[in-house]
PDB file of N, CA and C in Angstrom:
ATOM      1  N   MET A   1      23.441  51.887  13.646  1.00  0.00           N
ATOM      2  CA  MET A   1      23.162  52.347  14.985  1.00  0.00           C
ATOM      3  C   MET A   1      22.203  51.374  15.641  1.00  0.00           C
ATOM      4  N   ASN A   2      22.541  50.887  16.808  1.00  0.00           N
ATOM      5  CA  ASN A   2      21.720  49.892  17.490  1.00  0.00           C
ATOM      6  C   ASN A   2      21.378  50.417  18.881  1.00  0.00           C
ATOM      7  N   GLU A   3      20.399  51.321  18.952  1.00  0.00           N
ATOM      8  CA  GLU A   3      19.997  51.913  20.207  1.00  0.00           C
ATOM      9  C   GLU A   3      18.683  51.322  20.662  1.00  0.00           C
ATOM     10  N   ASN A   4      18.384  51.494  21.952  1.00  0.00           N
ATOM     11  CA  ASN A   4      17.086  51.085  22.465  1.00  0.00           C
ATOM     12  C   ASN A   4      16.172  52.291  22.486  1.00  0.00           C
ATOM     13  N   VAL A   5      14.908  52.093  22.098  1.00  0.00           N
ATOM     14  CA  VAL A   5      13.979  53.198  21.946  1.00  0.00           C
ATOM     15  C   VAL A   5      12.668  52.855  22.635  1.00  0.00           C
ATOM     16  N   ASP A   6      12.062  53.837  23.329  1.00  0.00           N
ATOM     17  CA  ASP A   6      10.722  53.682  23.900  1.00  0.00           C
ATOM     18  C   ASP A   6       9.750  54.138  22.826  1.00  0.00           C
ATOM     19  N   LEU A   7       9.222  53.157  22.032  1.00  0.00           N
ATOM     20  CA  LEU A   7       8.436  53.495  20.852  1.00  0.00           C
ATOM     21  C   LEU A   7       7.046  54.027  21.166  1.00  0.00           C
ATOM     22  N   GLU A   8       6.433  53.583  22.237  1.00  0.00           N
ATOM     23  CA  GLU A   8       5.055  53.952  22.496  1.00  0.00           C
ATOM     24  C   GLU A   8       4.899  54.821  23.740  1.00  0.00           C
ATOM     25  N   GLY A   9       5.985  55.219  24.355  1.00  0.00           N
ATOM     26  CA  GLY A   9       5.908  56.056  25.539  1.00  0.00           C
ATOM     27  C   GLY A   9       5.336  55.346  26.748  1.00  0.00           C
ATOM     28  N   ASN A  10       5.386  54.019  26.755  1.00  0.00           N
ATOM     29  CA  ASN A  10       4.800  53.265  27.854  1.00  0.00           C
ATOM     30  C   ASN A  10       5.853  52.703  28.809  1.00  0.00           C
ATOM     31  N   GLY A  11       7.090  53.134  28.665  1.00  0.00           N
ATOM     32  CA  GLY A  11       8.137  52.668  29.554  1.00  0.00           C
ATOM     33  C   GLY A  11       8.794  51.380  29.116  1.00  0.00           C
ATOM     34  N   GLN A  12       8.257  50.723  28.079  1.00  0.00           N
ATOM     35  CA  GLN A  12       8.861  49.501  27.577  1.00  0.00           C
ATOM     36  C   GLN A  12       9.853  49.871  26.478  1.00  0.00           C
ATOM     37  N   VAL A  13      11.078  49.481  26.677  1.00  0.00           N
ATOM     38  CA  VAL A  13      12.125  49.821  25.727  1.00  0.00           C
ATOM     39  C   VAL A  13      12.268  48.702  24.711  1.00  0.00           C
ATOM     40  N   GLU A  14      12.249  49.067  23.434  1.00  0.00           N
ATOM     41  CA  GLU A  14      12.402  48.095  22.361  1.00  0.00           C
ATOM     42  C   GLU A  14      13.615  48.470  21.526  1.00  0.00           C
ATOM     43  N   PRO A  15      14.293  47.470  20.931  1.00  0.00           N
ATOM     44  CA  PRO A  15      15.453  47.773  20.113  1.00  0.00           C
ATOM     45  C   PRO A  15      15.058  48.576  18.886  1.00  0.00           C
ATOM     46  N   SER A  16      15.926  49.466  18.492  1.00  0.00           N
ATOM     47  CA  SER A  16      15.698  50.256  17.289  1.00  0.00           C
ATOM     48  C   SER A  16      15.774  49.352  16.074  1.00  0.00           C
ATOM     49  N   ASN A  17      14.875  49.533  15.130  1.00  0.00           N
ATOM     50  CA  ASN A  17      14.831  48.716  13.926  1.00  0.00           C
ATOM     51  C   ASN A  17      15.298  49.513  12.716  1.00  0.00           C
ATOM     52  N   GLU A  18      16.173  50.466  12.931  1.00  0.00           N
ATOM     53  CA  GLU A  18      16.625  51.311  11.840  1.00  0.00           C
ATOM     54  C   GLU A  18      17.616  50.547  10.979  1.00  0.00           C
ATOM     55  N   THR A  19      17.408  50.589   9.668  1.00  0.00           N
ATOM     56  CA  THR A  19      18.324  49.917   8.749  1.00  0.00           C
ATOM     57  C   THR A  19      19.501  50.820   8.442  1.00  0.00           C
ATOM     58  N   GLY A  20      20.505  50.294   7.798  1.00  0.00           N
ATOM     59  CA  GLY A  20      21.701  51.057   7.469  1.00  0.00           C
ATOM     60  C   GLY A  20      21.423  52.244   6.577  1.00  0.00           C
ATOM     61  N   SER A  21      20.348  52.238   5.798  1.00  0.00           N
ATOM     62  CA  SER A  21      20.044  53.333   4.883  1.00  0.00           C
ATOM     63  C   SER A  21      19.232  54.429   5.557  1.00  0.00           C
ATOM     64  N   GLY A  22      19.000  54.317   6.861  1.00  0.00           N
ATOM     65  CA  GLY A  22      18.244  55.337   7.571  1.00  0.00           C
ATOM     66  C   GLY A  22      16.751  55.057   7.590  1.00  0.00           C
ATOM     67  N   GLN A  23      16.302  54.002   6.890  1.00  0.00           N
ATOM     68  CA  GLN A  23      14.890  53.652   6.892  1.00  0.00           C
ATOM     69  C   GLN A  23      14.593  52.817   8.126  1.00  0.00           C
ATOM     70  N   LYS A  24      13.368  52.923   8.612  1.00  0.00           N
ATOM     71  CA  LYS A  24      12.982  52.171   9.803  1.00  0.00           C
ATOM     72  C   LYS A  24      12.207  50.934   9.390  1.00  0.00           C
ATOM     73  N   ALA A  25      12.701  49.748   9.799  1.00  0.00           N
ATOM     74  CA  ALA A  25      12.008  48.494   9.518  1.00  0.00           C
ATOM     75  C   ALA A  25      11.000  48.261  10.632  1.00  0.00           C
ATOM     76  N   GLU A  26       9.787  47.826  10.268  1.00  0.00           N
ATOM     77  CA  GLU A  26       8.760  47.563  11.276  1.00  0.00           C
ATOM     78  C   GLU A  26       8.456  46.076  11.303  1.00  0.00           C
ATOM     79  N   TYR A  27       8.330  45.532  12.513  1.00  0.00           N
ATOM     80  CA  TYR A  27       8.018  44.132  12.689  1.00  0.00           C
ATOM     81  C   TYR A  27       6.675  44.034  13.390  1.00  0.00           C
ATOM     82  N   ASP A  28       5.807  43.198  12.870  1.00  0.00           N
ATOM     83  CA  ASP A  28       4.483  43.012  13.448  1.00  0.00           C
ATOM     84  C   ASP A  28       4.410  41.610  14.030  1.00  0.00           C
ATOM     85  N   ILE A  29       4.523  41.512  15.350  1.00  0.00           N
ATOM     86  CA  ILE A  29       4.518  40.207  16.017  1.00  0.00           C
ATOM     87  C   ILE A  29       3.181  39.503  15.850  1.00  0.00           C
ATOM     88  N   ASP A  30       2.120  40.242  15.533  1.00  0.00           N
ATOM     89  CA  ASP A  30       0.802  39.623  15.330  1.00  0.00           C
ATOM     90  C   ASP A  30       0.827  38.584  14.214  1.00  0.00           C
ATOM     91  N   LEU A  31       1.773  38.693  13.301  1.00  0.00           N
ATOM     92  CA  LEU A  31       1.863  37.746  12.187  1.00  0.00           C
ATOM     93  C   LEU A  31       2.198  36.333  12.650  1.00  0.00           C
ATOM     94  N   ILE A  32       2.856  36.192  13.779  1.00  0.00           N
ATOM     95  CA  ILE A  32       3.274  34.863  14.229  1.00  0.00           C
ATOM     96  C   ILE A  32       2.479  34.342  15.424  1.00  0.00           C
ATOM     97  N   LEU A  33       1.561  35.121  15.951  1.00  0.00           N
ATOM     98  CA  LEU A  33       0.844  34.706  17.159  1.00  0.00           C
ATOM     99  C   LEU A  33      -0.057  33.500  16.951  1.00  0.00           C
ATOM    100  N   ASP A  34      -0.481  33.216  15.720  1.00  0.00           N
ATOM    101  CA  ASP A  34      -1.373  32.090  15.457  1.00  0.00           C
ATOM    102  C   ASP A  34      -0.641  30.828  15.019  1.00  0.00           C
ATOM    103  N   ILE A  35       0.678  30.835  15.039  1.00  0.00           N
ATOM    104  CA  ILE A  35       1.446  29.657  14.642  1.00  0.00           C
ATOM    105  C   ILE A  35       1.388  28.630  15.766  1.00  0.00           C
ATOM    106  N   GLN A  36       1.002  27.404  15.416  1.00  0.00           N
ATOM    107  CA  GLN A  36       0.931  26.341  16.418  1.00  0.00           C
ATOM    108  C   GLN A  36       2.297  25.696  16.601  1.00  0.00           C
ATOM    109  N   LEU A  37       2.644  25.448  17.846  1.00  0.00           N
ATOM    110  CA  LEU A  37       3.898  24.792  18.197  1.00  0.00           C
ATOM    111  C   LEU A  37       3.590  23.553  19.017  1.00  0.00           C
ATOM    112  N   ASP A  38       4.425  22.537  18.863  1.00  0.00           N
ATOM    113  CA  ASP A  38       4.281  21.301  19.626  1.00  0.00           C
ATOM    114  C   ASP A  38       5.108  21.444  20.903  1.00  0.00           C
ATOM    115  N   VAL A  39       4.440  21.570  22.043  1.00  0.00           N
ATOM    116  CA  VAL A  39       5.125  21.704  23.324  1.00  0.00           C
ATOM    117  C   VAL A  39       4.969  20.388  24.083  1.00  0.00           C
ATOM    118  N   SER A  40       6.090  19.838  24.541  1.00  0.00           N
ATOM    119  CA  SER A  40       6.042  18.589  25.297  1.00  0.00           C
ATOM    120  C   SER A  40       6.971  18.697  26.500  1.00  0.00           C
ATOM    121  N   VAL A  41       6.661  17.908  27.516  1.00  0.00           N
ATOM    122  CA  VAL A  41       7.450  17.890  28.748  1.00  0.00           C
ATOM    123  C   VAL A  41       7.892  16.457  28.992  1.00  0.00           C
ATOM    124  N   GLU A  42       9.181  16.271  29.218  1.00  0.00           N
ATOM    125  CA  GLU A  42       9.717  14.929  29.427  1.00  0.00           C
ATOM    126  C   GLU A  42       9.974  14.700  30.909  1.00  0.00           C
ATOM    127  N   LEU A  43       9.236  13.762  31.459  1.00  0.00           N
ATOM    128  CA  LEU A  43       9.401  13.379  32.858  1.00  0.00           C
ATOM    129  C   LEU A  43      10.626  12.488  33.028  1.00  0.00           C
ATOM    130  N   GLY A  44      10.893  11.680  32.037  1.00  0.00           N
ATOM    131  CA  GLY A  44      12.017  10.765  32.050  1.00  0.00           C
ATOM    132  C   GLY A  44      11.887   9.816  30.886  1.00  0.00           C
ATOM    133  N   LYS A  45      12.853   8.950  30.709  1.00  0.00           N
ATOM    134  CA  LYS A  45      12.766   7.972  29.633  1.00  0.00           C
ATOM    135  C   LYS A  45      13.495   6.702  30.030  1.00  0.00           C
ATOM    136  N   VAL A  46      13.182   5.634  29.306  1.00  0.00           N
ATOM    137  CA  VAL A  46      13.785   4.340  29.571  1.00  0.00           C
ATOM    138  C   VAL A  46      13.752   3.526  28.275  1.00  0.00           C
ATOM    139  N   LYS A  47      14.743   2.688  28.090  1.00  0.00           N
ATOM    140  CA  LYS A  47      14.729   1.746  26.962  1.00  0.00           C
ATOM    141  C   LYS A  47      14.298   0.393  27.505  1.00  0.00           C
ATOM    142  N   MET A  48      13.367  -0.249  26.783  1.00  0.00           N
ATOM    143  CA  MET A  48      12.853  -1.545  27.220  1.00  0.00           C
ATOM    144  C   MET A  48      12.822  -2.506  26.048  1.00  0.00           C
ATOM    145  N   LEU A  49      12.989  -3.777  26.361  1.00  0.00           N
ATOM    146  CA  LEU A  49      12.794  -4.815  25.361  1.00  0.00           C
ATOM    147  C   LEU A  49      11.296  -4.975  25.114  1.00  0.00           C
ATOM    148  N   VAL A  50      10.934  -5.381  23.916  1.00  0.00           N
ATOM    149  CA  VAL A  50       9.523  -5.591  23.591  1.00  0.00           C
ATOM    150  C   VAL A  50       8.913  -6.596  24.562  1.00  0.00           C
ATOM    151  N   ASN A  51       9.655  -7.639  24.897  1.00  0.00           N
ATOM    152  CA  ASN A  51       9.160  -8.646  25.832  1.00  0.00           C
ATOM    153  C   ASN A  51       8.806  -8.025  27.190  1.00  0.00           C
ATOM    154  N   ASP A  52       9.686  -7.124  27.680  1.00  0.00           N
ATOM    155  CA  ASP A  52       9.419  -6.460  28.964  1.00  0.00           C
ATOM    156  C   ASP A  52       8.214  -5.539  28.866  1.00  0.00           C
ATOM    157  N   LEU A  53       8.070  -4.862  27.734  1.00  0.00           N
ATOM    158  CA  LEU A  53       6.934  -3.970  27.510  1.00  0.00           C
ATOM    159  C   LEU A  53       5.619  -4.747  27.524  1.00  0.00           C
ATOM    160  N   LEU A  54       5.630  -5.934  26.918  1.00  0.00           N
ATOM    161  CA  LEU A  54       4.420  -6.760  26.869  1.00  0.00           C
ATOM    162  C   LEU A  54       4.038  -7.323  28.233  1.00  0.00           C
ATOM    163  N   GLN A  55       5.007  -7.376  29.159  1.00  0.00           N
ATOM    164  CA  GLN A  55       4.741  -7.897  30.500  1.00  0.00           C
ATOM    165  C   GLN A  55       4.102  -6.854  31.420  1.00  0.00           C
ATOM    166  N   LEU A  56       4.062  -5.585  30.993  1.00  0.00           N
ATOM    167  CA  LEU A  56       3.493  -4.534  31.828  1.00  0.00           C
ATOM    168  C   LEU A  56       1.993  -4.707  31.966  1.00  0.00           C
ATOM    169  N   GLY A  57       1.515  -4.408  33.122  1.00  0.00           N
ATOM    170  CA  GLY A  57       0.079  -4.470  33.383  1.00  0.00           C
ATOM    171  C   GLY A  57      -0.297  -3.392  34.378  1.00  0.00           C
ATOM    172  N   GLN A  58      -1.554  -3.354  34.751  1.00  0.00           N
ATOM    173  CA  GLN A  58      -2.014  -2.369  35.709  1.00  0.00           C
ATOM    174  C   GLN A  58      -1.231  -2.520  37.003  1.00  0.00           C
ATOM    175  N   GLY A  59      -0.699  -1.415  37.495  1.00  0.00           N
ATOM    176  CA  GLY A  59       0.078  -1.431  38.730  1.00  0.00           C
ATOM    177  C   GLY A  59       1.563  -1.655  38.524  1.00  0.00           C
ATOM    178  N   SER A  60       1.991  -1.930  37.271  1.00  0.00           N
ATOM    179  CA  SER A  60       3.418  -2.108  36.994  1.00  0.00           C
ATOM    180  C   SER A  60       4.148  -0.785  37.206  1.00  0.00           C
ATOM    181  N   ILE A  61       5.388  -0.894  37.614  1.00  0.00           N
ATOM    182  CA  ILE A  61       6.217   0.299  37.819  1.00  0.00           C
ATOM    183  C   ILE A  61       7.352   0.271  36.809  1.00  0.00           C
ATOM    184  N   VAL A  62       7.539   1.394  36.130  1.00  0.00           N
ATOM    185  CA  VAL A  62       8.624   1.547  35.161  1.00  0.00           C
ATOM    186  C   VAL A  62       9.621   2.539  35.747  1.00  0.00           C
ATOM    187  N   ASP A  63      10.841   2.093  35.975  1.00  0.00           N
ATOM    188  CA  ASP A  63      11.881   2.965  36.507  1.00  0.00           C
ATOM    189  C   ASP A  63      12.432   3.840  35.386  1.00  0.00           C
ATOM    190  N   LEU A  64      12.409   5.144  35.604  1.00  0.00           N
ATOM    191  CA  LEU A  64      12.932   6.091  34.618  1.00  0.00           C
ATOM    192  C   LEU A  64      14.373   6.439  34.954  1.00  0.00           C
ATOM    193  N   GLU A  65      15.112   6.885  33.950  1.00  0.00           N
ATOM    194  CA  GLU A  65      16.524   7.219  34.147  1.00  0.00           C
ATOM    195  C   GLU A  65      16.704   8.473  35.002  1.00  0.00           C
ATOM    196  N   LYS A  66      15.721   9.364  34.995  1.00  0.00           N
ATOM    197  CA  LYS A  66      15.848  10.628  35.721  1.00  0.00           C
ATOM    198  C   LYS A  66      15.402  10.444  37.172  1.00  0.00           C
ATOM    199  N   PRO A  67      16.244  10.846  38.140  1.00  0.00           N
ATOM    200  CA  PRO A  67      15.869  10.699  39.550  1.00  0.00           C
ATOM    201  C   PRO A  67      14.723  11.636  39.943  1.00  0.00           C
ATOM    202  N   ALA A  68      13.974  11.257  40.964  1.00  0.00           N
ATOM    203  CA  ALA A  68      12.891  12.096  41.480  1.00  0.00           C
ATOM    204  C   ALA A  68      13.461  13.429  41.953  1.00  0.00           C
ATOM    205  N   GLY A  69      12.729  14.487  41.713  1.00  0.00           N
ATOM    206  CA  GLY A  69      13.160  15.812  42.146  1.00  0.00           C
ATOM    207  C   GLY A  69      13.964  16.570  41.106  1.00  0.00           C
ATOM    208  N   GLU A  70      14.405  15.900  40.062  1.00  0.00           N
ATOM    209  CA  GLU A  70      15.142  16.570  38.982  1.00  0.00           C
ATOM    210  C   GLU A  70      14.175  17.419  38.169  1.00  0.00           C
ATOM    211  N   PRO A  71      14.637  18.539  37.611  1.00  0.00           N
ATOM    212  CA  PRO A  71      13.768  19.354  36.755  1.00  0.00           C
ATOM    213  C   PRO A  71      13.333  18.581  35.511  1.00  0.00           C
ATOM    214  N   LEU A  72      12.126  18.864  35.051  1.00  0.00           N
ATOM    215  CA  LEU A  72      11.604  18.252  33.835  1.00  0.00           C
ATOM    216  C   LEU A  72      12.072  19.056  32.634  1.00  0.00           C
ATOM    217  N   ASP A  73      12.308  18.394  31.518  1.00  0.00           N
ATOM    218  CA  ASP A  73      12.729  19.072  30.301  1.00  0.00           C
ATOM    219  C   ASP A  73      11.506  19.508  29.504  1.00  0.00           C
ATOM    220  N   ILE A  74      11.501  20.765  29.048  1.00  0.00           N
ATOM    221  CA  ILE A  74      10.399  21.320  28.264  1.00  0.00           C
ATOM    222  C   ILE A  74      10.899  21.525  26.842  1.00  0.00           C
ATOM    223  N   TYR A  75      10.209  20.905  25.894  1.00  0.00           N
ATOM    224  CA  TYR A  75      10.597  20.964  24.485  1.00  0.00           C
ATOM    225  C   TYR A  75       9.557  21.725  23.679  1.00  0.00           C
ATOM    226  N   VAL A  76      10.011  22.511  22.721  1.00  0.00           N
ATOM    227  CA  VAL A  76       9.139  23.138  21.730  1.00  0.00           C
ATOM    228  C   VAL A  76       9.629  22.662  20.373  1.00  0.00           C
ATOM    229  N   ASN A  77       8.734  21.991  19.643  1.00  0.00           N
ATOM    230  CA  ASN A  77       9.091  21.393  18.348  1.00  0.00           C
ATOM    231  C   ASN A  77      10.348  20.540  18.469  1.00  0.00           C
ATOM    232  N   ALA A  78      10.385  19.703  19.497  1.00  0.00           N
ATOM    233  CA  ALA A  78      11.450  18.731  19.754  1.00  0.00           C
ATOM    234  C   ALA A  78      12.800  19.368  20.088  1.00  0.00           C
ATOM    235  N   LYS A  79      12.833  20.648  20.418  1.00  0.00           N
ATOM    236  CA  LYS A  79      14.065  21.328  20.821  1.00  0.00           C
ATOM    237  C   LYS A  79      13.939  21.739  22.278  1.00  0.00           C
ATOM    238  N   LEU A  80      14.931  21.399  23.088  1.00  0.00           N
ATOM    239  CA  LEU A  80      14.931  21.753  24.507  1.00  0.00           C
ATOM    240  C   LEU A  80      14.996  23.273  24.652  1.00  0.00           C
ATOM    241  N   VAL A  81      14.013  23.869  25.346  1.00  0.00           N
ATOM    242  CA  VAL A  81      13.998  25.318  25.518  1.00  0.00           C
ATOM    243  C   VAL A  81      14.003  25.738  26.988  1.00  0.00           C
ATOM    244  N   ALA A  82      13.577  24.834  27.896  1.00  0.00           N
ATOM    245  CA  ALA A  82      13.503  25.225  29.300  1.00  0.00           C
ATOM    246  C   ALA A  82      13.433  23.983  30.183  1.00  0.00           C
ATOM    247  N   ARG A  83      13.508  24.235  31.487  1.00  0.00           N
ATOM    248  CA  ARG A  83      13.329  23.185  32.479  1.00  0.00           C
ATOM    249  C   ARG A  83      12.318  23.684  33.497  1.00  0.00           C
ATOM    250  N   GLY A  84      11.582  22.755  34.081  1.00  0.00           N
ATOM    251  CA  GLY A  84      10.546  23.172  35.015  1.00  0.00           C
ATOM    252  C   GLY A  84      10.259  22.122  36.061  1.00  0.00           C
ATOM    253  N   GLU A  85       9.273  22.427  36.891  1.00  0.00           N
ATOM    254  CA  GLU A  85       8.853  21.512  37.939  1.00  0.00           C
ATOM    255  C   GLU A  85       7.338  21.350  37.886  1.00  0.00           C
ATOM    256  N   VAL A  86       6.876  20.197  38.346  1.00  0.00           N
ATOM    257  CA  VAL A  86       5.446  19.893  38.319  1.00  0.00           C
ATOM    258  C   VAL A  86       4.738  20.696  39.406  1.00  0.00           C
ATOM    259  N   VAL A  87       3.577  21.267  39.044  1.00  0.00           N
ATOM    260  CA  VAL A  87       2.709  21.931  40.010  1.00  0.00           C
ATOM    261  C   VAL A  87       1.293  21.402  39.801  1.00  0.00           C
ATOM    262  N   VAL A  88       0.471  21.505  40.830  1.00  0.00           N
ATOM    263  CA  VAL A  88      -0.932  21.113  40.726  1.00  0.00           C
ATOM    264  C   VAL A  88      -1.768  22.371  40.933  1.00  0.00           C
ATOM    265  N   VAL A  89      -2.619  22.675  39.944  1.00  0.00           N
ATOM    266  CA  VAL A  89      -3.490  23.842  40.004  1.00  0.00           C
ATOM    267  C   VAL A  89      -4.909  23.377  39.725  1.00  0.00           C
ATOM    268  N   ASP A  90      -5.807  23.604  40.667  1.00  0.00           N
ATOM    269  CA  ASP A  90      -7.209  23.185  40.517  1.00  0.00           C
ATOM    270  C   ASP A  90      -7.313  21.717  40.102  1.00  0.00           C
ATOM    271  N   GLU A  91      -6.573  20.860  40.771  1.00  0.00           N
ATOM    272  CA  GLU A  91      -6.571  19.417  40.533  1.00  0.00           C
ATOM    273  C   GLU A  91      -6.093  19.024  39.132  1.00  0.00           C
ATOM    274  N   LYS A  92      -5.346  19.896  38.476  1.00  0.00           N
ATOM    275  CA  LYS A  92      -4.748  19.591  37.172  1.00  0.00           C
ATOM    276  C   LYS A  92      -3.245  19.806  37.287  1.00  0.00           C
ATOM    277  N   TYR A  93      -2.504  19.000  36.536  1.00  0.00           N
ATOM    278  CA  TYR A  93      -1.056  19.144  36.530  1.00  0.00           C
ATOM    279  C   TYR A  93      -0.643  20.295  35.624  1.00  0.00           C
ATOM    280  N   GLY A  94       0.434  20.953  36.008  1.00  0.00           N
ATOM    281  CA  GLY A  94       1.022  22.008  35.198  1.00  0.00           C
ATOM    282  C   GLY A  94       2.519  21.990  35.394  1.00  0.00           C
ATOM    283  N   ILE A  95       3.202  22.854  34.682  1.00  0.00           N
ATOM    284  CA  ILE A  95       4.658  22.961  34.782  1.00  0.00           C
ATOM    285  C   ILE A  95       5.020  24.407  35.084  1.00  0.00           C
ATOM    286  N   ARG A  96       5.821  24.613  36.110  1.00  0.00           N
ATOM    287  CA  ARG A  96       6.363  25.943  36.407  1.00  0.00           C
ATOM    288  C   ARG A  96       7.759  26.005  35.809  1.00  0.00           C
ATOM    289  N   VAL A  97       7.986  26.967  34.929  1.00  0.00           N
ATOM    290  CA  VAL A  97       9.297  27.120  34.298  1.00  0.00           C
ATOM    291  C   VAL A  97      10.256  27.685  35.333  1.00  0.00           C
ATOM    292  N   ILE A  98      11.362  26.985  35.535  1.00  0.00           N
ATOM    293  CA  ILE A  98      12.348  27.439  36.519  1.00  0.00           C
ATOM    294  C   ILE A  98      13.666  27.857  35.871  1.00  0.00           C
ATOM    295  N   ASP A  99      13.873  27.462  34.610  1.00  0.00           N
ATOM    296  CA  ASP A  99      15.129  27.802  33.933  1.00  0.00           C
ATOM    297  C   ASP A  99      14.905  27.771  32.431  1.00  0.00           C
ATOM    298  N   VAL A 100      15.288  28.842  31.754  1.00  0.00           N
ATOM    299  CA  VAL A 100      15.219  28.883  30.296  1.00  0.00           C
ATOM    300  C   VAL A 100      16.607  28.562  29.765  1.00  0.00           C
ATOM    301  N   VAL A 101      16.661  27.676  28.792  1.00  0.00           N
ATOM    302  CA  VAL A 101      17.937  27.222  28.246  1.00  0.00           C
ATOM    303  C   VAL A 101      18.621  28.371  27.512  1.00  0.00           C
ATOM    304  N   SER A 102      19.907  28.541  27.762  1.00  0.00           N
ATOM    305  CA  SER A 102      20.667  29.607  27.121  1.00  0.00           C
ATOM    306  C   SER A 102      20.855  29.288  25.639  1.00  0.00           C
ATOM    307  N   PRO A 103      21.096  30.324  24.829  1.00  0.00           N
ATOM    308  CA  PRO A 103      21.342  30.075  23.398  1.00  0.00           C
ATOM    309  C   PRO A 103      22.510  29.115  23.162  1.00  0.00           C
ATOM    310  N   ALA A 104      23.539  29.181  24.000  1.00  0.00           N
ATOM    311  CA  ALA A 104      24.686  28.279  23.837  1.00  0.00           C
ATOM    312  C   ALA A 104      24.264  26.826  24.054  1.00  0.00           C
ATOM    313  N   GLU A 105      23.418  26.563  25.060  1.00  0.00           N
ATOM    314  CA  GLU A 105      22.937  25.209  25.308  1.00  0.00           C
ATOM    315  C   GLU A 105      22.050  24.724  24.161  1.00  0.00           C
ATOM    316  N   ARG A 106      21.244  25.635  23.580  1.00  0.00           N
ATOM    317  CA  ARG A 106      20.399  25.250  22.461  1.00  0.00           C
ATOM    318  C   ARG A 106      21.234  24.839  21.261  1.00  0.00           C
ATOM    319  N   VAL A 107      22.323  25.544  21.015  1.00  0.00           N
ATOM    320  CA  VAL A 107      23.214  25.194  19.898  1.00  0.00           C
ATOM    321  C   VAL A 107      23.850  23.839  20.153  1.00  0.00           C
ATOM    322  N   GLU A 108      24.271  23.577  21.404  1.00  0.00           N
ATOM    323  CA  GLU A 108      24.876  22.296  21.740  1.00  0.00           C
ATOM    324  C   GLU A 108      23.896  21.138  21.536  1.00  0.00           C
ATOM    325  N   SER A 109      22.608  21.379  21.818  1.00  0.00           N
ATOM    326  CA  SER A 109      21.620  20.309  21.671  1.00  0.00           C
ATOM    327  C   SER A 109      21.351  19.955  20.215  1.00  0.00           C
ATOM    328  N   LEU A 110      21.732  20.818  19.298  1.00  0.00           N
ATOM    329  CA  LEU A 110      21.540  20.534  17.877  1.00  0.00           C
ATOM    330  C   LEU A 110      22.531  19.494  17.371  1.00  0.00           C
ATOM    331  N   ALA A 111      23.670  19.384  18.042  1.00  0.00           N
ATOM    332  CA  ALA A 111      24.723  18.460  17.582  1.00  0.00           C
ATOM    333  C   ALA A 111      24.415  17.029  17.948  1.00  0.00           C
TER     334      ALA A 111
END
């Protein structure tokens, strides 16, 4: 039986964790809250010859493959999970998530 249940009476519906034998399995999300993940955002990328890389100096411009205005790719542990756009908050850069990658797209990125 796979029903949705309001476990705490707070209006938030959670999936039932009942096992086939009638026992209720409990999951404690607190167990994973302290796990560190590597989150990175890709603005763009380019392949360069070592000679060209050595010629770079202050004020040099590197053309990226991704056009301006395109969403940035957000990776967690080197896996694409979302896309976003750059925002500035209190003179610091941030990323606003605008699209979460579907499970089908995540599977395709593994290949």
